[in-house]
Amino acid sequence: MFRKMTTVLAVSIAAMLATTAAGMAQTKLKWAHVYETSEPFHSASVWAAQEIGKRTNGRYQVDVYPASQLGKEADINQGLSLGSVDIIISGSSFAAKSFPPIGVTYYPYTFRDADHLLAYTKSDIFKELAKGYEDKSGHHIIAVTYYGVRQTSSNKPIKTCADLKGLKMRVPDVPAYLAMPRACGANTAPIAFAEVYLALQNGTVEAQENPLTTIEAKKFYEVQKHIVLTGHIVDHLNTVVAGALWKKLSDEDKKIFTDVAQEAAAKATEEIKQNEAKLVAFFKEKGLTVTEVDKNEFRDIVLKNVPFETFGYRKADWERIQAVK
């Protein structure tokens, strides 16, 4: 009996020590993004953080910092190298600051739709561009999330590219975002995102461009009369792991982080696609006119007037993406 009790006690002590050691060995990580807590990108990030903890038996504790808590998008991208963040969700326009060719995905009319974008993420051209980014920055892209198709809203009817000529239009101060409006002759203004509603309301600008989900979330439809389905950029976000962290991960943990991030991206992507599908009817119910345009006309004018070299993109990469099925 005594021996049995001694054995049980020894096993219990060993288990306690193992648990304590595991707790002491736990690594805390920071996952940052600039999106609101109400958006799918945040809820998917929280799920991923919890799932990484589960699948690594608690060896990693991932804390998510939404809504620019750890800085604006430029800040968190820099934070990957500075060590202030470990994982981020960010657009390829920021990755392009390290490796310009990866930004070709922001050239207008690169992708036909969300499915084309997702097919690209499984292609050899994506692998090559992601590797080019990793070689230059040291950081590793593990997943891509569909963000939405950028459309135009306006207080004037727009049916052709020429209808944008002279139109006062708010566009983010990102070269690729400016390409379509400027090719069509719009007068662009880089008004801060937080001030766009008021600028539309008081007539400082007459139009803006964003995914339908953003137009709805920010209530731009309250101060606009038209939704114009220009579909000029199929936008996306990358989930990026800091190089310092990626190098430390075992092959098993690399697979866990990658699998979880891709599952989270798929969750957010599906939610965004479902939300977009409902919004055309929503805007019509709100009294806005929704107009389909000939995207080929817009596309041809952009291709004619905005050289790829302007951004450091490679036309051959764009052509390969176009061919992805």
C-alpha atoms as a PDB file:
ATOM      1  CA  MET A   1       0.000   0.000   0.000  1.00  0.00           C
ATOM      2  CA  PHE A   2       2.798   2.392   0.975  1.00  0.00           C
ATOM      3  CA  ARG A   3       4.658   1.659  -2.252  1.00  0.00           C
ATOM      4  CA  LYS A   4       1.511   2.260  -4.267  1.00  0.00           C
ATOM      5  CA  MET A   5       0.916   5.618  -2.530  1.00  0.00           C
ATOM      6  CA  THR A   6       4.546   6.575  -3.078  1.00  0.00           C
ATOM      7  CA  THR A   7       4.273   5.753  -6.762  1.00  0.00           C
ATOM      8  CA  VAL A   8       1.057   7.759  -7.141  1.00  0.00           C
ATOM      9  CA  LEU A   9       2.626  10.707  -5.319  1.00  0.00           C
ATOM     10  CA  ALA A  10       5.728  10.566  -7.513  1.00  0.00           C
ATOM     11  CA  VAL A  11       3.615  10.530 -10.670  1.00  0.00           C
ATOM     12  CA  SER A  12       1.552  13.480  -9.398  1.00  0.00           C
ATOM     13  CA  ILE A  13       4.653  15.504  -8.576  1.00  0.00           C
ATOM     14  CA  ALA A  14       6.144  14.735 -11.981  1.00  0.00           C
ATOM     15  CA  ALA A  15       2.931  15.848 -13.676  1.00  0.00           C
ATOM     16  CA  MET A  16       2.898  19.078 -11.667  1.00  0.00           C
ATOM     17  CA  LEU A  17       6.508  19.788 -12.553  1.00  0.00           C
ATOM     18  CA  ALA A  18       5.829  19.105 -16.223  1.00  0.00           C
ATOM     19  CA  THR A  19       2.836  21.440 -16.161  1.00  0.00           C
ATOM     20  CA  THR A  20       4.852  24.154 -14.436  1.00  0.00           C
ATOM     21  CA  ALA A  21       7.689  23.771 -16.921  1.00  0.00           C
ATOM     22  CA  ALA A  22       5.228  23.982 -19.801  1.00  0.00           C
ATOM     23  CA  GLY A  23       3.737  27.122 -18.323  1.00  0.00           C
ATOM     24  CA  MET A  24       7.161  28.700 -17.896  1.00  0.00           C
ATOM     25  CA  ALA A  25       8.049  27.816 -21.488  1.00  0.00           C
ATOM     26  CA  GLN A  26       4.968  29.489 -22.925  1.00  0.00           C
ATOM     27  CA  THR A  27       5.749  32.081 -25.608  1.00  0.00           C
ATOM     28  CA  LYS A  28       3.552  35.169 -25.841  1.00  0.00           C
ATOM     29  CA  LEU A  29       2.980  36.635 -29.298  1.00  0.00           C
ATOM     30  CA  LYS A  30       1.372  39.833 -30.572  1.00  0.00           C
ATOM     31  CA  TRP A  31      -1.003  39.688 -33.561  1.00  0.00           C
ATOM     32  CA  ALA A  32      -1.878  43.172 -34.842  1.00  0.00           C
ATOM     33  CA  HIS A  33      -4.198  44.705 -37.428  1.00  0.00           C
ATOM     34  CA  VAL A  34      -5.960  48.022 -38.126  1.00  0.00           C
ATOM     35  CA  TYR A  35      -9.546  46.759 -38.514  1.00  0.00           C
ATOM     36  CA  GLU A  36     -12.470  47.290 -36.170  1.00  0.00           C
ATOM     37  CA  THR A  37     -13.584  44.581 -33.747  1.00  0.00           C
ATOM     38  CA  SER A  38     -16.887  44.308 -35.624  1.00  0.00           C
ATOM     39  CA  GLU A  39     -15.181  43.201 -38.849  1.00  0.00           C
ATOM     40  CA  PRO A  40     -14.620  39.597 -39.980  1.00  0.00           C
ATOM     41  CA  PHE A  41     -10.844  40.133 -40.075  1.00  0.00           C
ATOM     42  CA  HIS A  42     -10.848  40.631 -36.309  1.00  0.00           C
ATOM     43  CA  SER A  43     -13.146  37.767 -35.361  1.00  0.00           C
ATOM     44  CA  ALA A  44     -11.117  35.437 -37.591  1.00  0.00           C
ATOM     45  CA  SER A  45      -7.895  36.675 -35.962  1.00  0.00           C
ATOM     46  CA  VAL A  46      -9.249  35.994 -32.478  1.00  0.00           C
ATOM     47  CA  TRP A  47     -10.306  32.504 -33.536  1.00  0.00           C
ATOM     48  CA  ALA A  48      -6.848  31.879 -35.008  1.00  0.00           C
ATOM     49  CA  ALA A  49      -5.101  33.086 -31.852  1.00  0.00           C
ATOM     50  CA  GLN A  50      -7.135  30.722 -29.700  1.00  0.00           C
ATOM     51  CA  GLU A  51      -6.684  27.848 -32.133  1.00  0.00           C
ATOM     52  CA  ILE A  52      -2.899  28.234 -32.215  1.00  0.00           C
ATOM     53  CA  GLY A  53      -2.939  27.993 -28.434  1.00  0.00           C
ATOM     54  CA  LYS A  54      -5.000  24.806 -28.559  1.00  0.00           C
ATOM     55  CA  ARG A  55      -3.050  23.076 -31.309  1.00  0.00           C
ATOM     56  CA  THR A  56       0.310  23.819 -29.663  1.00  0.00           C
ATOM     57  CA  ASN A  57      -0.943  22.623 -26.249  1.00  0.00           C
ATOM     58  CA  GLY A  58      -0.599  26.098 -24.801  1.00  0.00           C
ATOM     59  CA  ARG A  59       3.024  26.594 -25.828  1.00  0.00           C
ATOM     60  CA  TYR A  60       1.987  29.826 -27.541  1.00  0.00           C
ATOM     61  CA  GLN A  61      -0.318  32.531 -26.226  1.00  0.00           C
ATOM     62  CA  VAL A  62      -1.344  34.858 -29.039  1.00  0.00           C
ATOM     63  CA  ASP A  63      -2.899  38.203 -28.099  1.00  0.00           C
ATOM     64  CA  VAL A  64      -4.753  40.121 -30.812  1.00  0.00           C
ATOM     65  CA  TYR A  65      -4.496  43.925 -30.991  1.00  0.00           C
ATOM     66  CA  PRO A  66      -7.182  45.352 -33.318  1.00  0.00           C
ATOM     67  CA  ALA A  67      -8.093  48.845 -34.536  1.00  0.00           C
ATOM     68  CA  SER A  68      -4.533  50.219 -34.812  1.00  0.00           C
ATOM     69  CA  GLN A  69      -3.829  49.666 -31.100  1.00  0.00           C
ATOM     70  CA  LEU A  70      -0.188  48.948 -31.967  1.00  0.00           C
ATOM     71  CA  GLY A  71      -0.009  51.570 -34.705  1.00  0.00           C
ATOM     72  CA  LYS A  72      -1.198  52.356 -38.199  1.00  0.00           C
ATOM     73  CA  GLU A  73      -0.650  49.896 -41.032  1.00  0.00           C
ATOM     74  CA  ALA A  74       2.786  51.306 -41.856  1.00  0.00           C
ATOM     75  CA  ASP A  75       3.744  51.035 -38.175  1.00  0.00           C
ATOM     76  CA  ILE A  76       2.800  47.386 -37.757  1.00  0.00           C
ATOM     77  CA  ASN A  77       4.633  46.487 -40.967  1.00  0.00           C
ATOM     78  CA  GLN A  78       7.749  48.123 -39.545  1.00  0.00           C
ATOM     79  CA  GLY A  79       7.013  46.380 -36.251  1.00  0.00           C
ATOM     80  CA  LEU A  80       7.672  42.992 -37.866  1.00  0.00           C
ATOM     81  CA  SER A  81      11.331  43.997 -38.232  1.00  0.00           C
ATOM     82  CA  LEU A  82      11.536  45.944 -34.969  1.00  0.00           C
ATOM     83  CA  GLY A  83      10.148  43.054 -32.909  1.00  0.00           C
ATOM     84  CA  SER A  84       7.152  44.983 -31.598  1.00  0.00           C
ATOM     85  CA  VAL A  85       4.701  42.633 -33.366  1.00  0.00           C
ATOM     86  CA  ASP A  86       4.919  38.980 -34.393  1.00  0.00           C
ATOM     87  CA  ILE A  87       1.994  38.501 -36.787  1.00  0.00           C
ATOM     88  CA  ILE A  88       0.026  41.080 -38.775  1.00  0.00           C
ATOM     89  CA  ILE A  89      -2.761  41.314 -41.324  1.00  0.00           C
ATOM     90  CA  SER A  90      -1.919  43.881 -43.990  1.00  0.00           C
ATOM     91  CA  GLY A  91      -2.361  44.700 -47.669  1.00  0.00           C
ATOM     92  CA  SER A  92       0.124  43.898 -50.420  1.00  0.00           C
ATOM     93  CA  SER A  93       0.601  47.625 -51.048  1.00  0.00           C
ATOM     94  CA  PHE A  94       2.638  47.661 -47.835  1.00  0.00           C
ATOM     95  CA  ALA A  95       4.499  44.468 -48.714  1.00  0.00           C
ATOM     96  CA  ALA A  96       5.355  46.201 -51.995  1.00  0.00           C
ATOM     97  CA  LYS A  97       7.407  48.785 -50.117  1.00  0.00           C
ATOM     98  CA  SER A  98       9.926  46.006 -49.497  1.00  0.00           C
ATOM     99  CA  PHE A  99       9.386  44.189 -52.792  1.00  0.00           C
ATOM    100  CA  PRO A 100       7.515  46.295 -55.402  1.00  0.00           C
ATOM    101  CA  PRO A 101       6.584  43.424 -57.803  1.00  0.00           C
ATOM    102  CA  ILE A 102       4.189  41.868 -55.228  1.00  0.00           C
ATOM    103  CA  GLY A 103       2.080  45.034 -55.459  1.00  0.00           C
ATOM    104  CA  VAL A 104       1.069  44.144 -59.025  1.00  0.00           C
ATOM    105  CA  THR A 105      -2.066  42.618 -57.504  1.00  0.00           C
ATOM    106  CA  TYR A 106      -3.265  46.192 -56.851  1.00  0.00           C
ATOM    107  CA  TYR A 107      -2.979  47.235 -60.478  1.00  0.00           C
ATOM    108  CA  PRO A 108      -6.585  47.879 -61.618  1.00  0.00           C
ATOM    109  CA  TYR A 109      -8.426  44.975 -63.199  1.00  0.00           C
ATOM    110  CA  THR A 110      -5.786  42.393 -62.318  1.00  0.00           C
ATOM    111  CA  PHE A 111      -8.349  39.976 -60.870  1.00  0.00           C
ATOM    112  CA  ARG A 112     -11.715  39.124 -62.377  1.00  0.00           C
ATOM    113  CA  ASP A 113     -13.356  38.363 -59.032  1.00  0.00           C
ATOM    114  CA  ALA A 114     -12.783  36.836 -55.589  1.00  0.00           C
ATOM    115  CA  ASP A 115     -12.435  33.314 -56.991  1.00  0.00           C
ATOM    116  CA  HIS A 116      -9.712  34.462 -59.389  1.00  0.00           C
ATOM    117  CA  LEU A 117      -7.862  36.067 -56.473  1.00  0.00           C
ATOM    118  CA  LEU A 118      -8.114  32.870 -54.432  1.00  0.00           C
ATOM    119  CA  ALA A 119      -6.900  30.791 -57.387  1.00  0.00           C
ATOM    120  CA  TYR A 120      -3.898  33.122 -57.639  1.00  0.00           C
ATOM    121  CA  THR A 121      -2.977  32.412 -54.001  1.00  0.00           C
ATOM    122  CA  LYS A 122      -2.531  28.744 -54.935  1.00  0.00           C
ATOM    123  CA  SER A 123      -0.490  29.454 -58.065  1.00  0.00           C
ATOM    124  CA  ASP A 124       3.224  29.374 -58.825  1.00  0.00           C
ATOM    125  CA  ILE A 125       3.259  33.128 -59.513  1.00  0.00           C
ATOM    126  CA  PHE A 126       1.999  33.813 -55.982  1.00  0.00           C
ATOM    127  CA  LYS A 127       4.663  31.525 -54.521  1.00  0.00           C
ATOM    128  CA  GLU A 128       7.341  33.370 -56.499  1.00  0.00           C
ATOM    129  CA  LEU A 129       6.135  36.837 -55.476  1.00  0.00           C
ATOM    130  CA  ALA A 130       5.730  35.792 -51.831  1.00  0.00           C
ATOM    131  CA  LYS A 131       9.261  34.380 -51.877  1.00  0.00           C
ATOM    132  CA  GLY A 132      10.557  37.596 -53.409  1.00  0.00           C
ATOM    133  CA  TYR A 133       8.926  39.530 -50.576  1.00  0.00           C
ATOM    134  CA  GLU A 134      10.390  37.139 -47.989  1.00  0.00           C
ATOM    135  CA  ASP A 135      13.875  37.376 -49.520  1.00  0.00           C
ATOM    136  CA  LYS A 136      13.756  41.176 -49.335  1.00  0.00           C
ATOM    137  CA  SER A 137      11.963  41.657 -46.002  1.00  0.00           C
ATOM    138  CA  GLY A 138      12.738  38.461 -44.122  1.00  0.00           C
ATOM    139  CA  HIS A 139       9.046  38.004 -43.307  1.00  0.00           C
ATOM    140  CA  HIS A 140       6.787  35.120 -44.340  1.00  0.00           C
ATOM    141  CA  ILE A 141       3.255  35.293 -45.799  1.00  0.00           C
ATOM    142  CA  ILE A 142       1.173  32.374 -44.539  1.00  0.00           C
ATOM    143  CA  ALA A 143      -2.354  33.254 -45.727  1.00  0.00           C
ATOM    144  CA  VAL A 144      -4.391  35.606 -47.908  1.00  0.00           C
ATOM    145  CA  THR A 145      -7.860  36.928 -47.074  1.00  0.00           C
ATOM    146  CA  TYR A 146     -10.313  38.396 -49.581  1.00  0.00           C
ATOM    147  CA  TYR A 147     -11.063  41.992 -48.602  1.00  0.00           C
ATOM    148  CA  GLY A 148     -13.675  42.942 -51.164  1.00  0.00           C
ATOM    149  CA  VAL A 149     -14.005  44.501 -54.606  1.00  0.00           C
ATOM    150  CA  ARG A 150     -13.428  48.252 -54.657  1.00  0.00           C
ATOM    151  CA  GLN A 151     -16.380  50.066 -56.205  1.00  0.00           C
ATOM    152  CA  THR A 152     -17.248  53.741 -56.704  1.00  0.00           C
ATOM    153  CA  SER A 153     -19.929  55.843 -55.024  1.00  0.00           C
ATOM    154  CA  SER A 154     -20.880  59.269 -56.341  1.00  0.00           C
ATOM    155  CA  ASN A 155     -23.384  62.097 -56.294  1.00  0.00           C
ATOM    156  CA  LYS A 156     -23.280  62.227 -60.086  1.00  0.00           C
ATOM    157  CA  PRO A 157     -24.266  59.417 -62.464  1.00  0.00           C
ATOM    158  CA  ILE A 158     -21.323  57.491 -63.933  1.00  0.00           C
ATOM    159  CA  LYS A 159     -21.705  55.138 -66.880  1.00  0.00           C
ATOM    160  CA  THR A 160     -18.358  55.450 -68.646  1.00  0.00           C
ATOM    161  CA  CYS A 161     -14.755  56.249 -67.775  1.00  0.00           C
ATOM    162  CA  ALA A 162     -15.220  59.696 -69.354  1.00  0.00           C
ATOM    163  CA  ASP A 163     -17.936  60.514 -66.794  1.00  0.00           C
ATOM    164  CA  LEU A 164     -15.225  60.708 -64.125  1.00  0.00           C
ATOM    165  CA  LYS A 165     -13.469  63.585 -65.895  1.00  0.00           C
ATOM    166  CA  GLY A 166     -13.238  66.562 -63.530  1.00  0.00           C
ATOM    167  CA  LEU A 167     -15.088  64.699 -60.757  1.00  0.00           C
ATOM    168  CA  LYS A 168     -13.840  65.577 -57.264  1.00  0.00           C
ATOM    169  CA  MET A 169     -13.081  62.136 -55.826  1.00  0.00           C
ATOM    170  CA  ARG A 170     -11.559  60.987 -52.555  1.00  0.00           C
ATOM    171  CA  VAL A 171      -8.978  58.245 -53.125  1.00  0.00           C
ATOM    172  CA  PRO A 172      -6.372  56.917 -50.640  1.00  0.00           C
ATOM    173  CA  ASP A 173      -2.905  58.265 -51.339  1.00  0.00           C
ATOM    174  CA  VAL A 174      -1.724  54.932 -52.714  1.00  0.00           C
ATOM    175  CA  PRO A 175      -0.482  54.974 -56.335  1.00  0.00           C
ATOM    176  CA  ALA A 176      -2.330  51.842 -57.436  1.00  0.00           C
ATOM    177  CA  TYR A 177      -5.623  53.100 -55.978  1.00  0.00           C
ATOM    178  CA  LEU A 178      -5.154  56.390 -57.841  1.00  0.00           C
ATOM    179  CA  ALA A 179      -4.537  54.687 -61.183  1.00  0.00           C
ATOM    180  CA  MET A 180      -8.118  54.156 -62.376  1.00  0.00           C
ATOM    181  CA  PRO A 181      -9.600  57.522 -61.245  1.00  0.00           C
ATOM    182  CA  ARG A 182      -6.689  59.515 -62.683  1.00  0.00           C
ATOM    183  CA  ALA A 183      -6.649  57.534 -65.942  1.00  0.00           C
ATOM    184  CA  CYS A 184     -10.301  58.527 -66.337  1.00  0.00           C
ATOM    185  CA  GLY A 185      -9.583  62.191 -65.517  1.00  0.00           C
ATOM    186  CA  ALA A 186     -10.948  62.512 -61.950  1.00  0.00           C
ATOM    187  CA  ASN A 187      -9.575  65.195 -59.634  1.00  0.00           C
ATOM    188  CA  THR A 188      -8.424  63.055 -56.712  1.00  0.00           C
ATOM    189  CA  ALA A 189      -8.097  64.199 -53.104  1.00  0.00           C
ATOM    190  CA  PRO A 190      -6.304  62.162 -50.373  1.00  0.00           C
ATOM    191  CA  ILE A 191      -8.706  62.996 -47.545  1.00  0.00           C
ATOM    192  CA  ALA A 192      -8.174  61.082 -44.280  1.00  0.00           C
ATOM    193  CA  PHE A 193     -10.480  58.075 -44.035  1.00  0.00           C
ATOM    194  CA  ALA A 194     -12.110  59.328 -40.829  1.00  0.00           C
ATOM    195  CA  GLU A 195     -13.107  62.562 -42.629  1.00  0.00           C
ATOM    196  CA  VAL A 196     -14.586  61.056 -45.797  1.00  0.00           C
ATOM    197  CA  TYR A 197     -18.223  61.051 -44.626  1.00  0.00           C
ATOM    198  CA  LEU A 198     -18.137  64.764 -43.783  1.00  0.00           C
ATOM    199  CA  ALA A 199     -16.269  65.596 -47.013  1.00  0.00           C
ATOM    200  CA  LEU A 200     -18.988  63.857 -49.043  1.00  0.00           C
ATOM    201  CA  GLN A 201     -21.701  65.476 -46.988  1.00  0.00           C
ATOM    202  CA  ASN A 202     -20.432  69.053 -47.420  1.00  0.00           C
ATOM    203  CA  GLY A 203     -19.386  68.627 -51.058  1.00  0.00           C
ATOM    204  CA  THR A 204     -15.634  68.873 -50.573  1.00  0.00           C
ATOM    205  CA  VAL A 205     -15.604  65.757 -52.762  1.00  0.00           C
ATOM    206  CA  GLU A 206     -18.383  64.263 -54.864  1.00  0.00           C
ATOM    207  CA  ALA A 207     -17.273  60.666 -54.958  1.00  0.00           C
ATOM    208  CA  GLN A 208     -15.088  58.018 -53.332  1.00  0.00           C
ATOM    209  CA  GLU A 209     -14.127  54.361 -53.847  1.00  0.00           C
ATOM    210  CA  ASN A 210     -14.175  51.410 -51.433  1.00  0.00           C
ATOM    211  CA  PRO A 211     -15.601  47.884 -51.145  1.00  0.00           C
ATOM    212  CA  LEU A 212     -19.379  47.756 -50.704  1.00  0.00           C
ATOM    213  CA  THR A 213     -18.899  46.438 -47.181  1.00  0.00           C
ATOM    214  CA  THR A 214     -16.962  49.594 -46.264  1.00  0.00           C
ATOM    215  CA  ILE A 215     -19.496  51.875 -47.961  1.00  0.00           C
ATOM    216  CA  GLU A 216     -22.171  50.245 -45.811  1.00  0.00           C
ATOM    217  CA  ALA A 217     -20.147  50.137 -42.568  1.00  0.00           C
ATOM    218  CA  LYS A 218     -19.112  53.794 -42.830  1.00  0.00           C
ATOM    219  CA  LYS A 219     -22.612  54.825 -43.959  1.00  0.00           C
ATOM    220  CA  PHE A 220     -21.323  56.642 -47.047  1.00  0.00           C
ATOM    221  CA  TYR A 221     -24.591  55.653 -48.720  1.00  0.00           C
ATOM    222  CA  GLU A 222     -26.313  58.298 -46.564  1.00  0.00           C
ATOM    223  CA  VAL A 223     -24.445  61.069 -48.412  1.00  0.00           C
ATOM    224  CA  GLN A 224     -24.229  59.550 -51.910  1.00  0.00           C
ATOM    225  CA  LYS A 225     -26.806  59.006 -54.659  1.00  0.00           C
ATOM    226  CA  HIS A 226     -25.094  56.420 -56.848  1.00  0.00           C
ATOM    227  CA  ILE A 227     -23.232  53.144 -56.442  1.00  0.00           C
ATOM    228  CA  VAL A 228     -21.171  52.453 -59.561  1.00  0.00           C
ATOM    229  CA  LEU A 229     -19.866  48.905 -59.916  1.00  0.00           C
ATOM    230  CA  THR A 230     -16.487  49.798 -61.392  1.00  0.00           C
ATOM    231  CA  GLY A 231     -14.901  46.742 -59.707  1.00  0.00           C
ATOM    232  CA  HIS A 232     -11.478  48.216 -60.359  1.00  0.00           C
ATOM    233  CA  ILE A 233      -9.499  46.402 -57.649  1.00  0.00           C
ATOM    234  CA  VAL A 234     -10.176  43.011 -56.066  1.00  0.00           C
ATOM    235  CA  ASP A 235      -8.566  43.746 -52.722  1.00  0.00           C
ATOM    236  CA  HIS A 236      -6.958  41.367 -50.266  1.00  0.00           C
ATOM    237  CA  LEU A 237      -4.953  41.138 -47.052  1.00  0.00           C
ATOM    238  CA  ASN A 238      -1.891  39.046 -46.225  1.00  0.00           C
ATOM    239  CA  THR A 239      -1.281  37.322 -42.905  1.00  0.00           C
ATOM    240  CA  VAL A 240       2.437  37.846 -42.312  1.00  0.00           C
ATOM    241  CA  VAL A 241       4.703  36.264 -39.682  1.00  0.00           C
ATOM    242  CA  ALA A 242       7.819  38.153 -38.588  1.00  0.00           C
ATOM    243  CA  GLY A 243      10.998  36.562 -39.887  1.00  0.00           C
ATOM    244  CA  ALA A 244      12.511  36.305 -36.407  1.00  0.00           C
ATOM    245  CA  LEU A 245       9.538  34.238 -35.214  1.00  0.00           C
ATOM    246  CA  TRP A 246       9.279  32.128 -38.371  1.00  0.00           C
ATOM    247  CA  LYS A 247      12.917  31.036 -38.087  1.00  0.00           C
ATOM    248  CA  LYS A 248      12.372  29.882 -34.496  1.00  0.00           C
ATOM    249  CA  LEU A 249       9.322  27.755 -35.243  1.00  0.00           C
ATOM    250  CA  SER A 250       9.743  24.019 -35.666  1.00  0.00           C
ATOM    251  CA  ASP A 251       8.458  22.497 -38.905  1.00  0.00           C
ATOM    252  CA  GLU A 252       5.496  21.132 -36.951  1.00  0.00           C
ATOM    253  CA  ASP A 253       4.653  24.563 -35.533  1.00  0.00           C
ATOM    254  CA  LYS A 254       5.108  26.221 -38.919  1.00  0.00           C
ATOM    255  CA  LYS A 255       2.445  23.868 -40.265  1.00  0.00           C
ATOM    256  CA  ILE A 256       0.119  24.622 -37.346  1.00  0.00           C
ATOM    257  CA  PHE A 257       0.478  28.396 -37.779  1.00  0.00           C
ATOM    258  CA  THR A 258      -0.022  28.123 -41.546  1.00  0.00           C
ATOM    259  CA  ASP A 259      -3.022  25.787 -41.336  1.00  0.00           C
ATOM    260  CA  VAL A 260      -4.735  27.929 -38.711  1.00  0.00           C
ATOM    261  CA  ALA A 261      -4.085  31.207 -40.565  1.00  0.00           C
ATOM    262  CA  GLN A 262      -5.446  29.763 -43.807  1.00  0.00           C
ATOM    263  CA  GLU A 263      -8.546  28.410 -42.076  1.00  0.00           C
ATOM    264  CA  ALA A 264      -9.102  31.828 -40.471  1.00  0.00           C
ATOM    265  CA  ALA A 265      -8.636  33.540 -43.837  1.00  0.00           C
ATOM    266  CA  ALA A 266     -11.206  31.216 -45.391  1.00  0.00           C
ATOM    267  CA  LYS A 267     -13.715  32.067 -42.639  1.00  0.00           C
ATOM    268  CA  ALA A 268     -13.303  35.827 -43.130  1.00  0.00           C
ATOM    269  CA  THR A 269     -13.324  35.486 -46.921  1.00  0.00           C
ATOM    270  CA  GLU A 270     -16.626  33.615 -46.928  1.00  0.00           C
ATOM    271  CA  GLU A 271     -18.236  36.181 -44.617  1.00  0.00           C
ATOM    272  CA  ILE A 272     -17.088  39.068 -46.817  1.00  0.00           C
ATOM    273  CA  LYS A 273     -18.395  37.350 -49.963  1.00  0.00           C
ATOM    274  CA  GLN A 274     -21.785  36.751 -48.334  1.00  0.00           C
ATOM    275  CA  ASN A 275     -22.003  40.352 -47.106  1.00  0.00           C
ATOM    276  CA  GLU A 276     -21.133  41.769 -50.532  1.00  0.00           C
ATOM    277  CA  ALA A 277     -23.787  39.644 -52.207  1.00  0.00           C
ATOM    278  CA  LYS A 278     -26.501  41.219 -50.055  1.00  0.00           C
ATOM    279  CA  LEU A 279     -25.426  44.847 -50.344  1.00  0.00           C
ATOM    280  CA  VAL A 280     -26.556  45.739 -53.864  1.00  0.00           C
ATOM    281  CA  ALA A 281     -30.145  45.082 -52.798  1.00  0.00           C
ATOM    282  CA  PHE A 282     -29.528  46.983 -49.541  1.00  0.00           C
ATOM    283  CA  PHE A 283     -28.345  50.106 -51.391  1.00  0.00           C
ATOM    284  CA  LYS A 284     -31.294  49.957 -53.774  1.00  0.00           C
ATOM    285  CA  GLU A 285     -33.634  49.775 -50.789  1.00  0.00           C
ATOM    286  CA  LYS A 286     -31.954  52.905 -49.431  1.00  0.00           C
ATOM    287  CA  GLY A 287     -32.859  54.742 -52.640  1.00  0.00           C
ATOM    288  CA  LEU A 288     -29.484  54.720 -54.389  1.00  0.00           C
ATOM    289  CA  THR A 289     -29.082  54.020 -58.078  1.00  0.00           C
ATOM    290  CA  VAL A 290     -26.812  51.038 -58.713  1.00  0.00           C
ATOM    291  CA  THR A 291     -25.096  51.102 -62.103  1.00  0.00           C
ATOM    292  CA  GLU A 292     -23.178  48.364 -63.920  1.00  0.00           C
ATOM    293  CA  VAL A 293     -20.407  49.651 -66.201  1.00  0.00           C
ATOM    294  CA  ASP A 294     -18.361  48.153 -69.005  1.00  0.00           C
ATOM    295  CA  LYS A 295     -15.270  47.158 -67.041  1.00  0.00           C
ATOM    296  CA  ASN A 296     -13.380  46.366 -70.231  1.00  0.00           C
ATOM    297  CA  GLU A 297     -13.631  50.020 -71.275  1.00  0.00           C
ATOM    298  CA  PHE A 298     -12.207  51.179 -67.923  1.00  0.00           C
ATOM    299  CA  ARG A 299      -9.536  48.460 -68.045  1.00  0.00           C
ATOM    300  CA  ASP A 300      -8.364  49.390 -71.558  1.00  0.00           C
ATOM    301  CA  ILE A 301      -8.031  53.074 -70.653  1.00  0.00           C
ATOM    302  CA  VAL A 302      -6.012  52.252 -67.523  1.00  0.00           C
ATOM    303  CA  LEU A 303      -3.709  49.937 -69.488  1.00  0.00           C
ATOM    304  CA  LYS A 304      -3.198  52.655 -72.093  1.00  0.00           C
ATOM    305  CA  ASN A 305      -2.498  55.489 -69.650  1.00  0.00           C
ATOM    306  CA  VAL A 306      -0.843  53.906 -66.585  1.00  0.00           C
ATOM    307  CA  PRO A 307       2.420  52.032 -67.302  1.00  0.00           C
ATOM    308  CA  PHE A 308       3.289  49.155 -64.967  1.00  0.00           C
ATOM    309  CA  GLU A 309       6.767  50.619 -64.554  1.00  0.00           C
ATOM    310  CA  THR A 310       5.211  53.618 -62.773  1.00  0.00           C
ATOM    311  CA  PHE A 311       4.880  51.413 -59.695  1.00  0.00           C
ATOM    312  CA  GLY A 312       7.842  49.092 -60.116  1.00  0.00           C
ATOM    313  CA  TYR A 313       5.526  46.281 -61.195  1.00  0.00           C
ATOM    314  CA  ARG A 314       6.395  43.782 -63.919  1.00  0.00           C
ATOM    315  CA  LYS A 315       3.936  43.418 -66.775  1.00  0.00           C
ATOM    316  CA  ALA A 316       4.968  39.783 -67.227  1.00  0.00           C
ATOM    317  CA  ASP A 317       3.763  39.044 -63.661  1.00  0.00           C
ATOM    318  CA  TRP A 318       0.414  40.729 -64.391  1.00  0.00           C
ATOM    319  CA  GLU A 319      -0.001  38.685 -67.566  1.00  0.00           C
ATOM    320  CA  ARG A 320       0.728  35.449 -65.691  1.00  0.00           C
ATOM    321  CA  ILE A 321      -1.882  36.356 -63.055  1.00  0.00           C
ATOM    322  CA  GLN A 322      -4.404  37.093 -65.799  1.00  0.00           C
ATOM    323  CA  ALA A 323      -3.847  33.561 -67.113  1.00  0.00           C
ATOM    324  CA  VAL A 324      -4.534  31.885 -63.731  1.00  0.00           C
ATOM    325  CA  LYS A 325      -7.691  29.793 -63.898  1.00  0.00           C
END
